[in-house]
């Protein structure tokens, strides 16, 4: 797996795909850029965006929201 970027878009792709995409203007970048972008995404089903919350609390809220969703069905 390789991490590539073009502008502000960062993707994680297979080695073969990365070679093809680099020919079309993409460039290799460190994996930590991909990880940072992954962590800063907003969580669905939250009333407001909460970036200062720990990952444990975010998981707990997602789990509660999922439970509520299936209880109403």
C-alpha atoms as a PDB file:
ATOM      1  CA  UNK A   1       0.000   0.000   0.000  1.00  0.00           C
ATOM      2  CA  UNK A   2       1.156   3.498  -0.857  1.00  0.00           C
ATOM      3  CA  UNK A   3      -0.104   6.931   0.122  1.00  0.00           C
ATOM      4  CA  UNK A   4      -0.432   9.453  -2.704  1.00  0.00           C
ATOM      5  CA  UNK A   5      -1.752  12.984  -2.968  1.00  0.00           C
ATOM      6  CA  UNK A   6      -2.829  15.504  -5.581  1.00  0.00           C
ATOM      7  CA  UNK A   7      -3.501  18.950  -4.196  1.00  0.00           C
ATOM      8  CA  UNK A   8      -5.441  18.442  -0.960  1.00  0.00           C
ATOM      9  CA  UNK A   9      -6.791  15.004  -1.865  1.00  0.00           C
ATOM     10  CA  UNK A  10      -4.943  12.122  -0.167  1.00  0.00           C
ATOM     11  CA  UNK A  11      -5.550   8.457  -1.002  1.00  0.00           C
ATOM     12  CA  UNK A  12      -4.228   5.102   0.156  1.00  0.00           C
ATOM     13  CA  UNK A  13      -3.929   2.695  -2.810  1.00  0.00           C
ATOM     14  CA  UNK A  14      -2.183  -0.523  -3.809  1.00  0.00           C
ATOM     15  CA  UNK A  15       1.373  -0.437  -5.165  1.00  0.00           C
ATOM     16  CA  UNK A  16       0.284  -1.102  -8.768  1.00  0.00           C
ATOM     17  CA  UNK A  17      -2.418   1.569  -8.648  1.00  0.00           C
ATOM     18  CA  UNK A  18       0.029   4.070  -7.143  1.00  0.00           C
ATOM     19  CA  UNK A  19       2.504   3.592  -9.995  1.00  0.00           C
ATOM     20  CA  UNK A  20      -0.244   4.284 -12.544  1.00  0.00           C
ATOM     21  CA  UNK A  21      -1.576   7.328 -10.691  1.00  0.00           C
ATOM     22  CA  UNK A  22       1.883   8.879 -10.200  1.00  0.00           C
ATOM     23  CA  UNK A  23       2.198   8.976 -13.992  1.00  0.00           C
ATOM     24  CA  UNK A  24      -0.932  11.152 -14.105  1.00  0.00           C
ATOM     25  CA  UNK A  25       0.202  13.871 -11.697  1.00  0.00           C
ATOM     26  CA  UNK A  26      -0.204  12.273  -8.277  1.00  0.00           C
ATOM     27  CA  UNK A  27       2.791  12.202  -5.949  1.00  0.00           C
ATOM     28  CA  UNK A  28       3.867   9.998  -3.064  1.00  0.00           C
ATOM     29  CA  UNK A  29       3.484  11.343   0.472  1.00  0.00           C
ATOM     30  CA  UNK A  30       4.047  10.061   4.036  1.00  0.00           C
ATOM     31  CA  UNK A  31       1.425   7.800   5.596  1.00  0.00           C
ATOM     32  CA  UNK A  32       0.983  10.106   8.592  1.00  0.00           C
ATOM     33  CA  UNK A  33      -0.740  12.693   6.325  1.00  0.00           C
ATOM     34  CA  UNK A  34      -3.378  10.092   5.501  1.00  0.00           C
ATOM     35  CA  UNK A  35      -3.818   9.199   9.178  1.00  0.00           C
ATOM     36  CA  UNK A  36      -4.198  12.844  10.232  1.00  0.00           C
ATOM     37  CA  UNK A  37      -6.883  13.413   7.620  1.00  0.00           C
ATOM     38  CA  UNK A  38      -8.711  10.305   8.745  1.00  0.00           C
ATOM     39  CA  UNK A  39      -8.840  11.449  12.369  1.00  0.00           C
ATOM     40  CA  UNK A  40     -10.112  14.943  11.628  1.00  0.00           C
ATOM     41  CA  UNK A  41     -13.268  13.837   9.765  1.00  0.00           C
ATOM     42  CA  UNK A  42     -16.522  14.886  11.430  1.00  0.00           C
ATOM     43  CA  UNK A  43     -18.586  12.125  13.017  1.00  0.00           C
ATOM     44  CA  UNK A  44     -22.003  11.428  11.555  1.00  0.00           C
ATOM     45  CA  UNK A  45     -25.109  11.650  13.771  1.00  0.00           C
ATOM     46  CA  UNK A  46     -23.602  14.143  16.197  1.00  0.00           C
ATOM     47  CA  UNK A  47     -25.465  17.350  16.947  1.00  0.00           C
ATOM     48  CA  UNK A  48     -22.323  19.392  16.445  1.00  0.00           C
ATOM     49  CA  UNK A  49     -18.768  18.742  15.368  1.00  0.00           C
ATOM     50  CA  UNK A  50     -16.542  17.918  18.356  1.00  0.00           C
ATOM     51  CA  UNK A  51     -12.866  17.715  17.440  1.00  0.00           C
ATOM     52  CA  UNK A  52     -11.572  18.083  20.988  1.00  0.00           C
ATOM     53  CA  UNK A  53     -13.251  14.817  22.071  1.00  0.00           C
ATOM     54  CA  UNK A  54     -11.179  11.678  22.653  1.00  0.00           C
ATOM     55  CA  UNK A  55     -11.497   8.700  20.304  1.00  0.00           C
ATOM     56  CA  UNK A  56     -12.987   6.610  23.126  1.00  0.00           C
ATOM     57  CA  UNK A  57     -15.813   9.105  23.669  1.00  0.00           C
ATOM     58  CA  UNK A  58     -16.464   9.340  19.924  1.00  0.00           C
ATOM     59  CA  UNK A  59     -16.769   5.542  19.669  1.00  0.00           C
ATOM     60  CA  UNK A  60     -19.140   5.506  22.631  1.00  0.00           C
ATOM     61  CA  UNK A  61     -21.397   8.119  21.025  1.00  0.00           C
ATOM     62  CA  UNK A  62     -21.419   6.244  17.707  1.00  0.00           C
ATOM     63  CA  UNK A  63     -22.316   3.031  19.526  1.00  0.00           C
ATOM     64  CA  UNK A  64     -25.172   4.749  21.406  1.00  0.00           C
ATOM     65  CA  UNK A  65     -26.499   6.278  18.186  1.00  0.00           C
ATOM     66  CA  UNK A  66     -26.421   2.884  16.474  1.00  0.00           C
ATOM     67  CA  UNK A  67     -28.241   1.256  19.398  1.00  0.00           C
ATOM     68  CA  UNK A  68     -30.941   3.966  19.338  1.00  0.00           C
ATOM     69  CA  UNK A  69     -31.359   3.502  15.594  1.00  0.00           C
ATOM     70  CA  UNK A  70     -32.078  -0.217  15.948  1.00  0.00           C
ATOM     71  CA  UNK A  71     -34.337   0.224  18.992  1.00  0.00           C
ATOM     72  CA  UNK A  72     -36.719   2.456  17.009  1.00  0.00           C
ATOM     73  CA  UNK A  73     -37.217  -0.145  14.258  1.00  0.00           C
END
